[in-house]
Amino acid sequence: MNTWWKANITSPVINRLGRVRERNHFTRPPIFIGGCGRSGTSLLLSMLSAHPGIFAFAKELDAFTEWHQGSTGLVPTRVDRLYRAILTNKIPQQCHRWCEKRPANVRFIPEILEYFGPDARFIHIVRDPRAVCTSIHPEKPDEYWIPIDRYITDVSAGEAMYDHHQVFTLKYEDLVTDYLGQMRKLCDFIEEPMSEEMWRWYDHATVRDNRAWFDGVQEVHSQGLEKWKDHSHHKRVKEITMNAEIRRLMDYFEYVI
């Protein structure tokens, strides 16, 4: 009974009211962020949240990782999560578009862009697999967070959309070492001005906490880019770089082995 009520009453009402608020509040197309976990998706969301015109959902909605066939094409099965968030969040008046981040979004770029239309924008952030796959799980200190197979699946999905005009591929290392240069390119891509707040994004970000961070929001530095070189990761790094598909992806994204 509860499932029927949700599918036929609650969700349709939420979707209808949410769409009304979305149309009344947001005048520009949405922005999506995706990429393999531990590649900087949360960091990038926090950076974009400093822009006064962008409302960034602080919590992952997981609204675009399950799809079904509707009357006019594929439809996100849990799109009600988007509209519930639009209805329940306090959205500043100056925000004219929203931004949603979930790493697994990268697996559904074609579906997302088809559903939201030619003006939607997707940012795929990619990072050196040796850094991603040697990241320690915050709740399981004896385990690596990201399996090698997951890296291959997610990064390959983004690679397939590399040349799409609605997709911007951003390397984490470039973002950290050349923040202003990369952010200017990104702002050009999403057709937004580089606001003053973004120069010191860590002072103005509205997304300030995430379980993926061991500390809160802070200015990024390049010192952590080569933590994977620590001797304790030697066996893991060898396993990563011996994988043929990983080596292919590293070559494609110009990571030196």
C-alpha atoms as a PDB file:
ATOM      1  CA  MET A   1       0.000   0.000   0.000  1.00  0.00           C
ATOM      2  CA  ASN A   2       2.798   2.413   0.908  1.00  0.00           C
ATOM      3  CA  THR A   3       4.617   1.677  -2.362  1.00  0.00           C
ATOM      4  CA  TRP A   4       1.448   2.266  -4.372  1.00  0.00           C
ATOM      5  CA  TRP A   5       0.734   5.504  -2.500  1.00  0.00           C
ATOM      6  CA  LYS A   6       4.257   6.785  -3.094  1.00  0.00           C
ATOM      7  CA  ALA A   7       4.286   5.881  -6.797  1.00  0.00           C
ATOM      8  CA  ASN A   8       0.812   7.177  -7.599  1.00  0.00           C
ATOM      9  CA  ILE A   9       0.203  10.010  -5.135  1.00  0.00           C
ATOM     10  CA  THR A  10       3.230  11.298  -3.212  1.00  0.00           C
ATOM     11  CA  SER A  11       5.891  11.320  -5.948  1.00  0.00           C
ATOM     12  CA  PRO A  12       3.653  12.816  -8.688  1.00  0.00           C
ATOM     13  CA  VAL A  13       2.615  15.630  -6.337  1.00  0.00           C
ATOM     14  CA  ILE A  14       6.233  16.321  -5.352  1.00  0.00           C
ATOM     15  CA  ASN A  15       7.297  16.292  -9.009  1.00  0.00           C
ATOM     16  CA  ARG A  16       4.544  18.685 -10.053  1.00  0.00           C
ATOM     17  CA  LEU A  17       5.173  21.187  -7.248  1.00  0.00           C
ATOM     18  CA  GLY A  18       8.946  20.876  -7.644  1.00  0.00           C
ATOM     19  CA  ARG A  19       8.774  21.610 -11.361  1.00  0.00           C
ATOM     20  CA  VAL A  20       6.752  24.735 -10.666  1.00  0.00           C
ATOM     21  CA  ARG A  21       9.343  26.004  -8.200  1.00  0.00           C
ATOM     22  CA  GLU A  22      12.163  25.038 -10.558  1.00  0.00           C
ATOM     23  CA  ARG A  23      10.605  27.005 -13.433  1.00  0.00           C
ATOM     24  CA  ASN A  24       9.922  30.007 -11.222  1.00  0.00           C
ATOM     25  CA  HIS A  25      13.355  30.109  -9.636  1.00  0.00           C
ATOM     26  CA  PHE A  26      15.940  28.720 -12.063  1.00  0.00           C
ATOM     27  CA  THR A  27      16.268  30.426 -15.429  1.00  0.00           C
ATOM     28  CA  ARG A  28      19.426  28.663 -16.627  1.00  0.00           C
ATOM     29  CA  PRO A  29      20.101  24.966 -17.372  1.00  0.00           C
ATOM     30  CA  PRO A  30      21.494  22.604 -14.730  1.00  0.00           C
ATOM     31  CA  ILE A  31      25.083  21.462 -14.213  1.00  0.00           C
ATOM     32  CA  PHE A  32      26.044  17.886 -13.391  1.00  0.00           C
ATOM     33  CA  ILE A  33      29.287  16.551 -11.923  1.00  0.00           C
ATOM     34  CA  GLY A  34      30.481  12.972 -12.126  1.00  0.00           C
ATOM     35  CA  GLY A  35      33.620  10.864 -12.072  1.00  0.00           C
ATOM     36  CA  CYS A  36      35.135   7.950 -10.250  1.00  0.00           C
ATOM     37  CA  GLY A  37      35.012   8.283  -6.472  1.00  0.00           C
ATOM     38  CA  ARG A  38      38.066   9.963  -4.886  1.00  0.00           C
ATOM     39  CA  SER A  39      38.655  11.974  -8.058  1.00  0.00           C
ATOM     40  CA  GLY A  40      37.576  15.340  -6.668  1.00  0.00           C
ATOM     41  CA  THR A  41      33.836  15.468  -7.390  1.00  0.00           C
ATOM     42  CA  SER A  42      33.069  16.811  -3.903  1.00  0.00           C
ATOM     43  CA  LEU A  43      35.874  19.358  -4.101  1.00  0.00           C
ATOM     44  CA  LEU A  44      34.635  20.626  -7.458  1.00  0.00           C
ATOM     45  CA  LEU A  45      31.072  20.908  -6.175  1.00  0.00           C
ATOM     46  CA  SER A  46      32.298  22.974  -3.232  1.00  0.00           C
ATOM     47  CA  MET A  47      34.254  25.254  -5.565  1.00  0.00           C
ATOM     48  CA  LEU A  48      31.234  25.828  -7.818  1.00  0.00           C
ATOM     49  CA  SER A  49      29.021  26.416  -4.795  1.00  0.00           C
ATOM     50  CA  ALA A  50      30.965  29.632  -4.163  1.00  0.00           C
ATOM     51  CA  HIS A  51      29.489  31.097  -7.351  1.00  0.00           C
ATOM     52  CA  PRO A  52      26.532  33.313  -6.355  1.00  0.00           C
ATOM     53  CA  GLY A  53      24.483  32.202  -9.360  1.00  0.00           C
ATOM     54  CA  ILE A  54      24.796  28.459  -8.704  1.00  0.00           C
ATOM     55  CA  PHE A  55      22.821  26.511  -6.129  1.00  0.00           C
ATOM     56  CA  ALA A  56      24.760  23.351  -5.308  1.00  0.00           C
ATOM     57  CA  PHE A  57      22.927  20.504  -3.611  1.00  0.00           C
ATOM     58  CA  ALA A  58      25.082  19.744  -0.582  1.00  0.00           C
ATOM     59  CA  LYS A  59      23.864  16.146  -0.337  1.00  0.00           C
ATOM     60  CA  GLU A  60      23.990  13.686  -3.205  1.00  0.00           C
ATOM     61  CA  LEU A  61      20.494  13.142  -4.549  1.00  0.00           C
ATOM     62  CA  ASP A  62      21.169   9.855  -6.362  1.00  0.00           C
ATOM     63  CA  ALA A  63      18.347  10.875  -8.678  1.00  0.00           C
ATOM     64  CA  PHE A  64      20.012  10.120 -12.019  1.00  0.00           C
ATOM     65  CA  THR A  65      21.569   6.672 -11.623  1.00  0.00           C
ATOM     66  CA  GLU A  66      18.439   4.619 -12.328  1.00  0.00           C
ATOM     67  CA  TRP A  67      16.307   5.029 -15.455  1.00  0.00           C
ATOM     68  CA  HIS A  68      13.183   3.524 -16.984  1.00  0.00           C
ATOM     69  CA  GLN A  69      11.332   3.845 -20.269  1.00  0.00           C
ATOM     70  CA  GLY A  70       8.658   6.535 -20.186  1.00  0.00           C
ATOM     71  CA  SER A  71       6.144   7.590 -22.817  1.00  0.00           C
ATOM     72  CA  THR A  72       8.607   9.987 -24.469  1.00  0.00           C
ATOM     73  CA  GLY A  73      11.939   8.306 -23.691  1.00  0.00           C
ATOM     74  CA  LEU A  74      14.117   7.351 -20.759  1.00  0.00           C
ATOM     75  CA  VAL A  75      13.120   8.939 -17.450  1.00  0.00           C
ATOM     76  CA  PRO A  76      15.079   9.056 -14.160  1.00  0.00           C
ATOM     77  CA  THR A  77      13.196   6.683 -11.870  1.00  0.00           C
ATOM     78  CA  ARG A  78      13.877   8.728  -8.727  1.00  0.00           C
ATOM     79  CA  VAL A  79      13.557  12.215 -10.171  1.00  0.00           C
ATOM     80  CA  ASP A  80      11.271  12.967  -7.220  1.00  0.00           C
ATOM     81  CA  ARG A  81      14.459  13.219  -5.141  1.00  0.00           C
ATOM     82  CA  LEU A  82      15.468  16.239  -7.215  1.00  0.00           C
ATOM     83  CA  TYR A  83      12.134  17.958  -6.830  1.00  0.00           C
ATOM     84  CA  ARG A  84      11.908  17.127  -3.135  1.00  0.00           C
ATOM     85  CA  ALA A  85      15.291  18.811  -2.673  1.00  0.00           C
ATOM     86  CA  ILE A  86      14.170  21.845  -4.670  1.00  0.00           C
ATOM     87  CA  LEU A  87      11.084  22.127  -2.478  1.00  0.00           C
ATOM     88  CA  THR A  88      12.823  21.635   0.873  1.00  0.00           C
ATOM     89  CA  ASN A  89      16.042  23.607   0.419  1.00  0.00           C
ATOM     90  CA  LYS A  90      16.309  27.311   1.044  1.00  0.00           C
ATOM     91  CA  ILE A  91      17.500  28.647  -2.300  1.00  0.00           C
ATOM     92  CA  PRO A  92      19.035  32.146  -2.414  1.00  0.00           C
ATOM     93  CA  GLN A  93      17.235  34.485  -4.775  1.00  0.00           C
ATOM     94  CA  GLN A  94      20.360  35.176  -6.836  1.00  0.00           C
ATOM     95  CA  CYS A  95      20.832  31.503  -7.745  1.00  0.00           C
ATOM     96  CA  HIS A  96      19.634  31.011 -11.310  1.00  0.00           C
ATOM     97  CA  ARG A  97      20.721  27.394 -11.898  1.00  0.00           C
ATOM     98  CA  TRP A  98      21.342  24.267  -9.876  1.00  0.00           C
ATOM     99  CA  CYS A  99      24.266  21.859  -9.735  1.00  0.00           C
ATOM    100  CA  GLU A 100      24.108  18.209  -8.699  1.00  0.00           C
ATOM    101  CA  LYS A 101      27.044  15.952  -7.937  1.00  0.00           C
ATOM    102  CA  ARG A 102      27.277  12.189  -7.662  1.00  0.00           C
ATOM    103  CA  PRO A 103      30.288  10.176  -8.833  1.00  0.00           C
ATOM    104  CA  ALA A 104      28.093   7.540 -10.521  1.00  0.00           C
ATOM    105  CA  ASN A 105      26.498  10.231 -12.716  1.00  0.00           C
ATOM    106  CA  VAL A 106      29.419   9.598 -15.069  1.00  0.00           C
ATOM    107  CA  ARG A 107      27.868   6.264 -16.061  1.00  0.00           C
ATOM    108  CA  PHE A 108      24.707   7.972 -17.285  1.00  0.00           C
ATOM    109  CA  ILE A 109      25.927  11.020 -19.198  1.00  0.00           C
ATOM    110  CA  PRO A 110      23.958  10.247 -22.402  1.00  0.00           C
ATOM    111  CA  GLU A 111      20.724   9.712 -20.471  1.00  0.00           C
ATOM    112  CA  ILE A 112      21.187  12.874 -18.396  1.00  0.00           C
ATOM    113  CA  LEU A 113      21.928  15.088 -21.395  1.00  0.00           C
ATOM    114  CA  GLU A 114      19.077  13.635 -23.442  1.00  0.00           C
ATOM    115  CA  TYR A 115      16.620  14.200 -20.598  1.00  0.00           C
ATOM    116  CA  PHE A 116      17.686  17.739 -19.672  1.00  0.00           C
ATOM    117  CA  GLY A 117      18.279  18.968 -23.190  1.00  0.00           C
ATOM    118  CA  PRO A 118      20.990  20.644 -25.277  1.00  0.00           C
ATOM    119  CA  ASP A 119      21.777  23.401 -22.781  1.00  0.00           C
ATOM    120  CA  ALA A 120      22.563  21.142 -19.789  1.00  0.00           C
ATOM    121  CA  ARG A 121      26.241  20.815 -18.906  1.00  0.00           C
ATOM    122  CA  PHE A 122      28.218  17.858 -17.536  1.00  0.00           C
ATOM    123  CA  ILE A 123      31.642  18.025 -15.905  1.00  0.00           C
ATOM    124  CA  HIS A 124      33.675  14.819 -15.770  1.00  0.00           C
ATOM    125  CA  ILE A 125      36.585  15.030 -13.365  1.00  0.00           C
ATOM    126  CA  VAL A 126      39.341  12.447 -13.727  1.00  0.00           C
ATOM    127  CA  ARG A 127      42.371  11.723 -11.538  1.00  0.00           C
ATOM    128  CA  ASP A 128      45.507   9.588 -11.723  1.00  0.00           C
ATOM    129  CA  PRO A 129      44.421   5.995 -10.963  1.00  0.00           C
ATOM    130  CA  ARG A 130      47.407   5.516  -8.661  1.00  0.00           C
ATOM    131  CA  ALA A 131      46.043   8.272  -6.414  1.00  0.00           C
ATOM    132  CA  VAL A 132      42.417   7.157  -6.675  1.00  0.00           C
ATOM    133  CA  CYS A 133      42.995   3.464  -6.055  1.00  0.00           C
ATOM    134  CA  THR A 134      45.414   3.960  -3.146  1.00  0.00           C
ATOM    135  CA  SER A 135      42.998   6.172  -1.233  1.00  0.00           C
ATOM    136  CA  ILE A 136      42.282   4.627   2.177  1.00  0.00           C
ATOM    137  CA  HIS A 137      38.664   4.142   3.207  1.00  0.00           C
ATOM    138  CA  PRO A 138      37.853   6.612   6.033  1.00  0.00           C
ATOM    139  CA  GLU A 139      35.835   4.035   7.983  1.00  0.00           C
ATOM    140  CA  LYS A 140      37.977   0.994   7.119  1.00  0.00           C
ATOM    141  CA  PRO A 141      41.623   2.017   7.563  1.00  0.00           C
ATOM    142  CA  ASP A 142      42.907  -1.365   6.370  1.00  0.00           C
ATOM    143  CA  GLU A 143      41.102  -1.181   3.027  1.00  0.00           C
ATOM    144  CA  TYR A 144      41.497   0.774  -0.185  1.00  0.00           C
ATOM    145  CA  TRP A 145      38.385   2.755  -1.035  1.00  0.00           C
ATOM    146  CA  ILE A 146      38.121   2.360  -4.810  1.00  0.00           C
ATOM    147  CA  PRO A 147      38.466  -1.005  -6.587  1.00  0.00           C
ATOM    148  CA  ILE A 148      40.483  -0.972  -9.792  1.00  0.00           C
ATOM    149  CA  ASP A 149      37.525  -2.296 -11.789  1.00  0.00           C
ATOM    150  CA  ARG A 150      35.384   0.615 -10.652  1.00  0.00           C
ATOM    151  CA  TYR A 151      37.982   3.100 -11.834  1.00  0.00           C
ATOM    152  CA  ILE A 152      38.036   1.443 -15.245  1.00  0.00           C
ATOM    153  CA  THR A 153      34.224   1.404 -15.516  1.00  0.00           C
ATOM    154  CA  ASP A 154      33.725   5.021 -14.475  1.00  0.00           C
ATOM    155  CA  VAL A 155      36.620   6.645 -16.313  1.00  0.00           C
ATOM    156  CA  SER A 156      35.843   4.687 -19.480  1.00  0.00           C
ATOM    157  CA  ALA A 157      32.266   5.984 -19.348  1.00  0.00           C
ATOM    158  CA  GLY A 158      33.558   9.552 -19.198  1.00  0.00           C
ATOM    159  CA  GLU A 159      36.120   8.870 -21.911  1.00  0.00           C
ATOM    160  CA  ALA A 160      33.325   7.791 -24.261  1.00  0.00           C
ATOM    161  CA  MET A 161      31.807  11.295 -23.976  1.00  0.00           C
ATOM    162  CA  TYR A 162      35.093  13.194 -24.146  1.00  0.00           C
ATOM    163  CA  ASP A 163      34.348  15.050 -27.389  1.00  0.00           C
ATOM    164  CA  HIS A 164      30.710  15.833 -26.636  1.00  0.00           C
ATOM    165  CA  HIS A 165      30.073  19.581 -26.713  1.00  0.00           C
ATOM    166  CA  GLN A 166      28.035  19.411 -23.490  1.00  0.00           C
ATOM    167  CA  VAL A 167      30.795  17.643 -21.561  1.00  0.00           C
ATOM    168  CA  PHE A 168      33.883  19.209 -20.004  1.00  0.00           C
ATOM    169  CA  THR A 169      36.669  16.847 -18.944  1.00  0.00           C
ATOM    170  CA  LEU A 170      38.761  18.220 -16.102  1.00  0.00           C
ATOM    171  CA  LYS A 171      41.866  16.642 -14.620  1.00  0.00           C
ATOM    172  CA  TYR A 172      42.058  16.876 -10.840  1.00  0.00           C
ATOM    173  CA  GLU A 173      45.782  17.579 -10.995  1.00  0.00           C
ATOM    174  CA  ASP A 174      45.218  20.588 -13.272  1.00  0.00           C
ATOM    175  CA  LEU A 175      42.517  21.904 -10.965  1.00  0.00           C
ATOM    176  CA  VAL A 176      44.857  21.749  -7.964  1.00  0.00           C
ATOM    177  CA  THR A 177      47.948  23.191  -9.652  1.00  0.00           C
ATOM    178  CA  ASP A 178      46.195  25.775 -11.840  1.00  0.00           C
ATOM    179  CA  TYR A 179      42.927  26.542 -10.086  1.00  0.00           C
ATOM    180  CA  LEU A 180      42.291  29.969 -11.612  1.00  0.00           C
ATOM    181  CA  GLY A 181      43.202  28.899 -15.139  1.00  0.00           C
ATOM    182  CA  GLN A 182      41.021  25.798 -15.017  1.00  0.00           C
ATOM    183  CA  MET A 183      38.134  27.600 -13.359  1.00  0.00           C
ATOM    184  CA  ARG A 184      38.161  30.277 -16.059  1.00  0.00           C
ATOM    185  CA  LYS A 185      37.885  27.534 -18.693  1.00  0.00           C
ATOM    186  CA  LEU A 186      35.123  25.872 -16.723  1.00  0.00           C
ATOM    187  CA  CYS A 187      33.199  29.128 -16.337  1.00  0.00           C
ATOM    188  CA  ASP A 188      33.462  29.674 -20.081  1.00  0.00           C
ATOM    189  CA  PHE A 189      32.072  26.172 -20.612  1.00  0.00           C
ATOM    190  CA  ILE A 190      29.065  26.715 -18.327  1.00  0.00           C
ATOM    191  CA  GLU A 191      28.727  30.285 -19.626  1.00  0.00           C
ATOM    192  CA  GLU A 192      29.041  31.990 -16.272  1.00  0.00           C
ATOM    193  CA  PRO A 193      31.268  34.907 -15.283  1.00  0.00           C
ATOM    194  CA  MET A 194      34.227  34.187 -13.025  1.00  0.00           C
ATOM    195  CA  SER A 195      32.800  35.800  -9.904  1.00  0.00           C
ATOM    196  CA  GLU A 196      34.925  37.450  -7.217  1.00  0.00           C
ATOM    197  CA  GLU A 197      33.781  34.835  -4.715  1.00  0.00           C
ATOM    198  CA  MET A 198      35.419  32.076  -6.741  1.00  0.00           C
ATOM    199  CA  TRP A 199      38.877  33.573  -6.372  1.00  0.00           C
ATOM    200  CA  ARG A 200      38.744  32.589  -2.697  1.00  0.00           C
ATOM    201  CA  TRP A 201      36.165  29.860  -3.074  1.00  0.00           C
ATOM    202  CA  TYR A 202      37.027  28.275   0.298  1.00  0.00           C
ATOM    203  CA  ASP A 203      35.760  31.407   2.058  1.00  0.00           C
ATOM    204  CA  HIS A 204      32.466  31.530   0.140  1.00  0.00           C
ATOM    205  CA  ALA A 205      31.560  27.904  -0.564  1.00  0.00           C
ATOM    206  CA  THR A 206      28.114  26.873   0.634  1.00  0.00           C
ATOM    207  CA  VAL A 207      29.037  23.173   0.448  1.00  0.00           C
ATOM    208  CA  ARG A 208      31.510  22.889   3.301  1.00  0.00           C
ATOM    209  CA  ASP A 209      31.467  19.303   4.503  1.00  0.00           C
ATOM    210  CA  ASN A 210      31.559  15.847   2.973  1.00  0.00           C
ATOM    211  CA  ARG A 211      32.430  12.397   4.271  1.00  0.00           C
ATOM    212  CA  ALA A 212      34.998  12.114   1.486  1.00  0.00           C
ATOM    213  CA  TRP A 213      37.063  14.830   3.186  1.00  0.00           C
ATOM    214  CA  PHE A 214      39.121  14.138   6.270  1.00  0.00           C
ATOM    215  CA  ASP A 215      38.981  17.858   7.077  1.00  0.00           C
ATOM    216  CA  GLY A 216      36.503  20.583   6.174  1.00  0.00           C
ATOM    217  CA  VAL A 217      36.764  23.059   3.323  1.00  0.00           C
ATOM    218  CA  GLN A 218      40.242  24.468   2.894  1.00  0.00           C
ATOM    219  CA  GLU A 219      42.479  25.796   0.149  1.00  0.00           C
ATOM    220  CA  VAL A 220      43.973  22.997  -1.930  1.00  0.00           C
ATOM    221  CA  HIS A 221      47.680  22.411  -2.387  1.00  0.00           C
ATOM    222  CA  SER A 222      49.711  20.241  -4.733  1.00  0.00           C
ATOM    223  CA  GLN A 223      51.659  18.533  -1.930  1.00  0.00           C
ATOM    224  CA  GLY A 224      49.158  15.684  -1.738  1.00  0.00           C
ATOM    225  CA  LEU A 225      49.244  14.776  -5.433  1.00  0.00           C
ATOM    226  CA  GLU A 226      51.910  12.110  -5.022  1.00  0.00           C
ATOM    227  CA  LYS A 227      50.908  10.445  -1.776  1.00  0.00           C
ATOM    228  CA  TRP A 228      50.531   7.274  -3.774  1.00  0.00           C
ATOM    229  CA  LYS A 229      54.337   7.122  -4.006  1.00  0.00           C
ATOM    230  CA  ASP A 230      54.560   6.216  -0.320  1.00  0.00           C
ATOM    231  CA  HIS A 231      56.294   2.860   0.116  1.00  0.00           C
ATOM    232  CA  SER A 232      53.250   1.400   1.865  1.00  0.00           C
ATOM    233  CA  HIS A 233      51.379   1.517  -1.468  1.00  0.00           C
ATOM    234  CA  HIS A 234      54.111  -0.135  -3.536  1.00  0.00           C
ATOM    235  CA  LYS A 235      52.279  -3.434  -4.049  1.00  0.00           C
ATOM    236  CA  ARG A 236      48.993  -1.705  -4.838  1.00  0.00           C
ATOM    237  CA  VAL A 237      50.591   0.691  -7.336  1.00  0.00           C
ATOM    238  CA  LYS A 238      52.223  -2.241  -9.114  1.00  0.00           C
ATOM    239  CA  GLU A 239      48.842  -3.982  -9.330  1.00  0.00           C
ATOM    240  CA  ILE A 240      47.295  -0.807 -10.771  1.00  0.00           C
ATOM    241  CA  THR A 241      49.921  -0.132 -13.399  1.00  0.00           C
ATOM    242  CA  MET A 242      50.107  -3.769 -14.518  1.00  0.00           C
ATOM    243  CA  ASN A 243      46.455  -3.628 -15.560  1.00  0.00           C
ATOM    244  CA  ALA A 244      46.251  -3.250 -19.347  1.00  0.00           C
ATOM    245  CA  GLU A 245      43.069  -1.185 -19.341  1.00  0.00           C
ATOM    246  CA  ILE A 246      44.424   1.137 -16.652  1.00  0.00           C
ATOM    247  CA  ARG A 247      47.541   1.642 -18.746  1.00  0.00           C
ATOM    248  CA  ARG A 248      45.389   2.485 -21.761  1.00  0.00           C
ATOM    249  CA  LEU A 249      43.392   5.057 -19.770  1.00  0.00           C
ATOM    250  CA  MET A 250      46.563   6.560 -18.311  1.00  0.00           C
ATOM    251  CA  ASP A 251      47.927   6.985 -21.812  1.00  0.00           C
ATOM    252  CA  TYR A 252      44.642   8.534 -23.019  1.00  0.00           C
ATOM    253  CA  PHE A 253      44.570  11.090 -20.204  1.00  0.00           C
ATOM    254  CA  GLU A 254      48.338  11.653 -20.373  1.00  0.00           C
ATOM    255  CA  TYR A 255      49.387  10.219 -17.038  1.00  0.00           C
ATOM    256  CA  VAL A 256      53.021   9.120 -17.174  1.00  0.00           C
ATOM    257  CA  ILE A 257      53.575   5.572 -15.950  1.00  0.00           C
END
